Every structure is written in structure tokens, then in C-alpha cells.
Amino acid sequence: MKFAPLCVLACALALPLAASAQWQWIDNQGKKVFSDQPPTADVPEKNILRRPGGKAAAAAPATDAPRTDAAAAAPAPAPKTAGVDKELEEKARKAEEAEKARRAAEEQKVAKAKADNCNRARQGKATMDSGMRVARMNDKGEREIMDDQARAAEQRRLQDVINADCK
């Protein structure tokens, strides 16, 4: 019965397939590293050669030898995500421009409100300074004429608004 040795041989040959669930990358010293854990964050994406599931990176170097100075000085091929990065940068730039435009519109709105408040306060102060009788509504909805003390308080309030908004 030669079936048992064939089964053992098949199992022995299938054993390396279990190692395909490993990470493979080139570290900072240029050495290949094999691990069942993902590489640390300081390893660039272009140096990751293989991920679990047999996914290999296309732009990674295929040699075990460390890179020479000439190879290190040569520009690295652009990763496949370069288009995605450009799209993300473009989206980020557009979002930043939209945020700046929104802030500018908000500042313009606040400036317009301050200018409007300034004009109204100046008109009210001119009315108070004119010496004319001024009436206003009380809590009950009745009309009452302002006395000198109420007129002075209103003049101070209007002057404070002018000082704050009319710059």
C-alpha cells in the first residue's frame, strides 16, 4: 500500500501554502521581513511586498539583497494609489477653499449687520439728542413718554452701541 506515503508527501508539499497568510516587506535596512503581523506604520506602502491572501505588490523590488546607493537614489516608481492621492488632495483643496469662502461670507454678513446697527444707533442717538418728546410702549402695551432719566439711559445705551459697532 503506497497510498499512506503519498498522503504524507502531499501534506508535506501543501504545508508551505499555509505560509501564504504572511506579510512580507522590506525594512529600513533593506532586508526582507516575513511575519504573520502587519508591518509598523514607519514602513512605507511601497515596501510592502505581500499581504495575507497572496496579494503581492507590483511595484516592490524582487531581490533579497539590500539596495545600493544608486538604487536608493533612483526615483521610485509611482504607486498605484498616486491617482487616488491626487484626487484626495484635490478634494481637500476644494473643501478648504469652500471653507474659506464660507468664512468670508460669514464675516461679510457680520460686518453688514454691524454697519446696520451702527446706522440705527446713530439715528436713535440723533433723535434722543434733538430734545423732542419720545414715547415708547411699556410692558402693558401702553404708550408712555420718556422722562429725562430714561432719555439719558437710552442715550448712554445708544452711545455704547455706536462705540462697539461704528469702527
C-alpha atoms as a PDB file:
ATOM      1  CA  MET A   1       0.000   0.000   0.000  1.00  0.00           C
ATOM      2  CA  LYS A   2       1.688   3.068  -1.238  1.00  0.00           C
ATOM      3  CA  PHE A   3      -1.297   5.312  -0.516  1.00  0.00           C
ATOM      4  CA  ALA A   4      -0.191   6.371   3.003  1.00  0.00           C
ATOM      5  CA  PRO A   5       3.266   7.649   1.934  1.00  0.00           C
ATOM      6  CA  LEU A   6       1.633   9.591  -0.918  1.00  0.00           C
ATOM      7  CA  CYS A   7      -0.756  11.257   1.561  1.00  0.00           C
ATOM      8  CA  VAL A   8       2.145  12.225   3.828  1.00  0.00           C
ATOM      9  CA  LEU A   9       4.077  13.581   0.836  1.00  0.00           C
ATOM     10  CA  ALA A  10       1.029  15.596  -0.338  1.00  0.00           C
ATOM     11  CA  CYS A  11       0.583  17.036   3.152  1.00  0.00           C
ATOM     12  CA  ALA A  12       4.274  17.950   3.316  1.00  0.00           C
ATOM     13  CA  LEU A  13       4.035  19.709  -0.057  1.00  0.00           C
ATOM     14  CA  ALA A  14       0.863  21.526   0.962  1.00  0.00           C
ATOM     15  CA  LEU A  15       2.430  22.835   4.183  1.00  0.00           C
ATOM     16  CA  PRO A  16       4.076  25.904   2.567  1.00  0.00           C
ATOM     17  CA  LEU A  17       0.659  27.019   1.330  1.00  0.00           C
ATOM     18  CA  ALA A  18      -0.248  27.764   4.942  1.00  0.00           C
ATOM     19  CA  ALA A  19       2.587  30.309   4.983  1.00  0.00           C
ATOM     20  CA  SER A  20       0.778  32.390   2.350  1.00  0.00           C
ATOM     21  CA  ALA A  21      -1.080  34.140   5.176  1.00  0.00           C
ATOM     22  CA  GLN A  22       2.070  36.090   5.961  1.00  0.00           C
ATOM     23  CA  TRP A  23       3.161  39.657   5.470  1.00  0.00           C
ATOM     24  CA  GLN A  24       6.324  40.344   3.537  1.00  0.00           C
ATOM     25  CA  TRP A  25       8.067  43.715   3.386  1.00  0.00           C
ATOM     26  CA  ILE A  26      11.457  45.372   3.122  1.00  0.00           C
ATOM     27  CA  ASP A  27      12.597  47.061   6.315  1.00  0.00           C
ATOM     28  CA  ASN A  28      14.641  50.266   6.655  1.00  0.00           C
ATOM     29  CA  GLN A  29      17.926  48.365   6.333  1.00  0.00           C
ATOM     30  CA  GLY A  30      16.825  46.839   3.014  1.00  0.00           C
ATOM     31  CA  LYS A  31      16.230  43.312   4.367  1.00  0.00           C
ATOM     32  CA  LYS A  32      13.169  41.241   3.565  1.00  0.00           C
ATOM     33  CA  VAL A  33      10.974  40.582   6.590  1.00  0.00           C
ATOM     34  CA  PHE A  34       8.380  37.803   6.842  1.00  0.00           C
ATOM     35  CA  SER A  35       5.780  37.954   9.593  1.00  0.00           C
ATOM     36  CA  ASP A  36       2.238  36.993  10.479  1.00  0.00           C
ATOM     37  CA  GLN A  37       1.773  40.536  11.864  1.00  0.00           C
ATOM     38  CA  PRO A  38       1.422  43.629   9.662  1.00  0.00           C
ATOM     39  CA  PRO A  39       4.434  45.957   9.421  1.00  0.00           C
ATOM     40  CA  THR A  40       4.720  49.012  11.655  1.00  0.00           C
ATOM     41  CA  ALA A  41       3.490  52.393  10.477  1.00  0.00           C
ATOM     42  CA  ASP A  42       7.006  53.603   9.620  1.00  0.00           C
ATOM     43  CA  VAL A  43       7.272  51.099   6.729  1.00  0.00           C
ATOM     44  CA  PRO A  44       6.192  52.865   3.521  1.00  0.00           C
ATOM     45  CA  GLU A  45       3.431  51.304   1.441  1.00  0.00           C
ATOM     46  CA  LYS A  46       5.784  50.782  -1.496  1.00  0.00           C
ATOM     47  CA  ASN A  47       7.999  48.469   0.623  1.00  0.00           C
ATOM     48  CA  ILE A  48       5.192  46.021   1.404  1.00  0.00           C
ATOM     49  CA  LEU A  49       5.715  43.072  -0.929  1.00  0.00           C
ATOM     50  CA  ARG A  50       2.959  40.668   0.119  1.00  0.00           C
ATOM     51  CA  ARG A  51      -0.173  40.776   2.215  1.00  0.00           C
ATOM     52  CA  PRO A  52      -2.176  37.868   3.646  1.00  0.00           C
ATOM     53  CA  GLY A  53      -4.243  36.154   0.993  1.00  0.00           C
ATOM     54  CA  GLY A  54      -1.421  36.076  -1.551  1.00  0.00           C
ATOM     55  CA  LYS A  55      -1.785  39.689  -2.685  1.00  0.00           C
ATOM     56  CA  ALA A  56       1.602  40.855  -3.901  1.00  0.00           C
ATOM     57  CA  ALA A  57       2.546  44.467  -4.503  1.00  0.00           C
ATOM     58  CA  ALA A  58       3.518  45.074  -8.130  1.00  0.00           C
ATOM     59  CA  ALA A  59       5.920  47.974  -7.573  1.00  0.00           C
ATOM     60  CA  ALA A  60       8.104  46.260  -4.929  1.00  0.00           C
ATOM     61  CA  PRO A  61      11.646  45.111  -5.707  1.00  0.00           C
ATOM     62  CA  ALA A  62      12.073  41.351  -6.080  1.00  0.00           C
ATOM     63  CA  THR A  63      15.623  40.854  -4.740  1.00  0.00           C
ATOM     64  CA  ASP A  64      16.766  39.795  -1.291  1.00  0.00           C
ATOM     65  CA  ALA A  65      19.883  41.976  -1.450  1.00  0.00           C
ATOM     66  CA  PRO A  66      19.869  45.394   0.168  1.00  0.00           C
ATOM     67  CA  ARG A  67      19.506  48.309  -2.216  1.00  0.00           C
ATOM     68  CA  THR A  68      22.676  50.052  -3.339  1.00  0.00           C
ATOM     69  CA  ASP A  69      23.179  53.788  -3.193  1.00  0.00           C
ATOM     70  CA  ALA A  70      22.437  54.064  -6.920  1.00  0.00           C
ATOM     71  CA  ALA A  71      19.194  52.149  -6.490  1.00  0.00           C
ATOM     72  CA  ALA A  72      18.265  54.257  -3.475  1.00  0.00           C
ATOM     73  CA  ALA A  73      18.972  57.471  -5.400  1.00  0.00           C
ATOM     74  CA  ALA A  74      16.875  56.407  -8.385  1.00  0.00           C
ATOM     75  CA  PRO A  75      13.300  57.649  -8.235  1.00  0.00           C
ATOM     76  CA  ALA A  76      10.876  55.017  -7.045  1.00  0.00           C
ATOM     77  CA  PRO A  77       8.067  54.061  -9.397  1.00  0.00           C
ATOM     78  CA  ALA A  78       4.801  55.790  -8.606  1.00  0.00           C
ATOM     79  CA  PRO A  79       2.463  53.647  -6.526  1.00  0.00           C
ATOM     80  CA  LYS A  80      -0.910  52.686  -7.937  1.00  0.00           C
ATOM     81  CA  THR A  81      -2.595  54.984  -5.417  1.00  0.00           C
ATOM     82  CA  ALA A  82      -0.991  58.138  -6.883  1.00  0.00           C
ATOM     83  CA  GLY A  83      -4.196  58.954  -8.760  1.00  0.00           C
ATOM     84  CA  VAL A  84      -6.218  58.442  -5.611  1.00  0.00           C
ATOM     85  CA  ASP A  85      -3.843  60.684  -3.640  1.00  0.00           C
ATOM     86  CA  LYS A  86      -4.176  63.423  -6.244  1.00  0.00           C
ATOM     87  CA  GLU A  87      -7.945  63.107  -6.091  1.00  0.00           C
ATOM     88  CA  LEU A  88      -7.875  63.298  -2.303  1.00  0.00           C
ATOM     89  CA  GLU A  89      -5.574  66.319  -2.404  1.00  0.00           C
ATOM     90  CA  GLU A  90      -7.884  67.994  -4.917  1.00  0.00           C
ATOM     91  CA  LYS A  91     -10.934  67.266  -2.748  1.00  0.00           C
ATOM     92  CA  ALA A  92      -9.123  68.572   0.343  1.00  0.00           C
ATOM     93  CA  ARG A  93      -8.080  71.719  -1.517  1.00  0.00           C
ATOM     94  CA  LYS A  94     -11.632  72.312  -2.751  1.00  0.00           C
ATOM     95  CA  ALA A  95     -13.022  71.731   0.747  1.00  0.00           C
ATOM     96  CA  GLU A  96     -10.509  74.221   2.158  1.00  0.00           C
ATOM     97  CA  GLU A  97     -11.456  76.808  -0.481  1.00  0.00           C
ATOM     98  CA  ALA A  98     -15.149  76.269   0.271  1.00  0.00           C
ATOM     99  CA  GLU A  99     -14.456  76.731   3.989  1.00  0.00           C
ATOM    100  CA  LYS A 100     -12.567  79.973   3.290  1.00  0.00           C
ATOM    101  CA  ALA A 101     -15.430  81.215   1.110  1.00  0.00           C
ATOM    102  CA  ARG A 102     -17.953  80.311   3.825  1.00  0.00           C
ATOM    103  CA  ARG A 103     -15.895  82.167   6.450  1.00  0.00           C
ATOM    104  CA  ALA A 104     -15.570  85.212   4.185  1.00  0.00           C
ATOM    105  CA  ALA A 105     -19.323  85.221   3.572  1.00  0.00           C
ATOM    106  CA  GLU A 106     -19.974  84.912   7.319  1.00  0.00           C
ATOM    107  CA  GLU A 107     -17.556  87.771   8.088  1.00  0.00           C
ATOM    108  CA  GLN A 108     -19.201  89.893   5.405  1.00  0.00           C
ATOM    109  CA  LYS A 109     -22.626  89.147   6.901  1.00  0.00           C
ATOM    110  CA  VAL A 110     -21.428  90.136  10.392  1.00  0.00           C
ATOM    111  CA  ALA A 111     -19.826  93.321   9.030  1.00  0.00           C
ATOM    112  CA  LYS A 112     -23.087  94.259   7.276  1.00  0.00           C
ATOM    113  CA  ALA A 113     -25.077  93.655  10.485  1.00  0.00           C
ATOM    114  CA  LYS A 114     -22.646  95.832  12.451  1.00  0.00           C
ATOM    115  CA  ALA A 115     -22.910  98.617   9.881  1.00  0.00           C
ATOM    116  CA  ASP A 116     -26.721  98.396  10.034  1.00  0.00           C
ATOM    117  CA  ASN A 117     -26.653  98.509  13.850  1.00  0.00           C
ATOM    118  CA  CYS A 118     -24.319 101.491  13.698  1.00  0.00           C
ATOM    119  CA  ASN A 119     -26.655 103.420  11.392  1.00  0.00           C
ATOM    120  CA  ARG A 120     -29.691 102.671  13.536  1.00  0.00           C
ATOM    121  CA  ALA A 121     -27.863 103.633  16.729  1.00  0.00           C
ATOM    122  CA  ARG A 122     -26.729 106.941  15.198  1.00  0.00           C
ATOM    123  CA  GLN A 123     -30.270 107.718  14.061  1.00  0.00           C
ATOM    124  CA  GLY A 124     -31.640 106.867  17.515  1.00  0.00           C
ATOM    125  CA  LYS A 125     -28.973 108.990  19.212  1.00  0.00           C
ATOM    126  CA  ALA A 126     -29.774 111.914  16.915  1.00  0.00           C
ATOM    127  CA  THR A 127     -33.429 111.567  17.876  1.00  0.00           C
ATOM    128  CA  MET A 128     -32.579 111.479  21.601  1.00  0.00           C
ATOM    129  CA  ASP A 129     -30.215 114.466  21.292  1.00  0.00           C
ATOM    130  CA  SER A 130     -32.811 116.548  19.410  1.00  0.00           C
ATOM    131  CA  GLY A 131     -34.850 117.167  22.568  1.00  0.00           C
ATOM    132  CA  MET A 132     -38.135 116.025  21.020  1.00  0.00           C
ATOM    133  CA  ARG A 133     -40.616 114.126  23.097  1.00  0.00           C
ATOM    134  CA  VAL A 134     -40.114 110.406  22.660  1.00  0.00           C
ATOM    135  CA  ALA A 135     -42.713 107.836  23.570  1.00  0.00           C
ATOM    136  CA  ARG A 136     -42.338 104.096  23.876  1.00  0.00           C
ATOM    137  CA  MET A 137     -44.511 101.154  24.829  1.00  0.00           C
ATOM    138  CA  ASN A 138     -44.389  99.778  28.350  1.00  0.00           C
ATOM    139  CA  ASP A 139     -44.914  96.146  29.454  1.00  0.00           C
ATOM    140  CA  LYS A 140     -48.708  96.544  29.365  1.00  0.00           C
ATOM    141  CA  GLY A 141     -48.643  97.845  25.797  1.00  0.00           C
ATOM    142  CA  GLU A 142     -49.440 101.404  26.855  1.00  0.00           C
ATOM    143  CA  ARG A 143     -47.695 104.389  25.401  1.00  0.00           C
ATOM    144  CA  GLU A 144     -45.595 106.428  27.822  1.00  0.00           C
ATOM    145  CA  ILE A 145     -43.419 109.490  27.358  1.00  0.00           C
ATOM    146  CA  MET A 146     -39.760 109.089  28.342  1.00  0.00           C
ATOM    147  CA  ASP A 147     -38.641 111.280  31.235  1.00  0.00           C
ATOM    148  CA  ASP A 148     -35.145 112.824  31.443  1.00  0.00           C
ATOM    149  CA  GLN A 149     -33.698 109.884  33.363  1.00  0.00           C
ATOM    150  CA  ALA A 150     -34.956 107.305  30.815  1.00  0.00           C
ATOM    151  CA  ARG A 151     -33.748 109.553  27.961  1.00  0.00           C
ATOM    152  CA  ALA A 152     -30.232 109.733  29.498  1.00  0.00           C
ATOM    153  CA  ALA A 153     -30.139 105.949  29.977  1.00  0.00           C
ATOM    154  CA  GLU A 154     -31.184 105.422  26.347  1.00  0.00           C
ATOM    155  CA  GLN A 155     -28.540 107.901  25.159  1.00  0.00           C
ATOM    156  CA  ARG A 156     -25.840 106.002  27.080  1.00  0.00           C
ATOM    157  CA  ARG A 157     -27.035 102.689  25.636  1.00  0.00           C
ATOM    158  CA  LEU A 158     -27.019 104.062  22.094  1.00  0.00           C
ATOM    159  CA  GLN A 159     -23.554 105.571  22.615  1.00  0.00           C
ATOM    160  CA  ASP A 160     -22.271 102.148  23.772  1.00  0.00           C
ATOM    161  CA  VAL A 161     -23.671 100.548  20.572  1.00  0.00           C
ATOM    162  CA  ILE A 162     -22.024 103.261  18.474  1.00  0.00           C
ATOM    163  CA  ASN A 163     -18.694 102.725  20.242  1.00  0.00           C
ATOM    164  CA  ALA A 164     -18.906  98.966  19.691  1.00  0.00           C
ATOM    165  CA  ASP A 165     -20.199  98.796  16.113  1.00  0.00           C
ATOM    166  CA  CYS A 166     -19.040 102.010  14.434  1.00  0.00           C
ATOM    167  CA  LYS A 167     -15.330 101.424  13.977  1.00  0.00           C
END
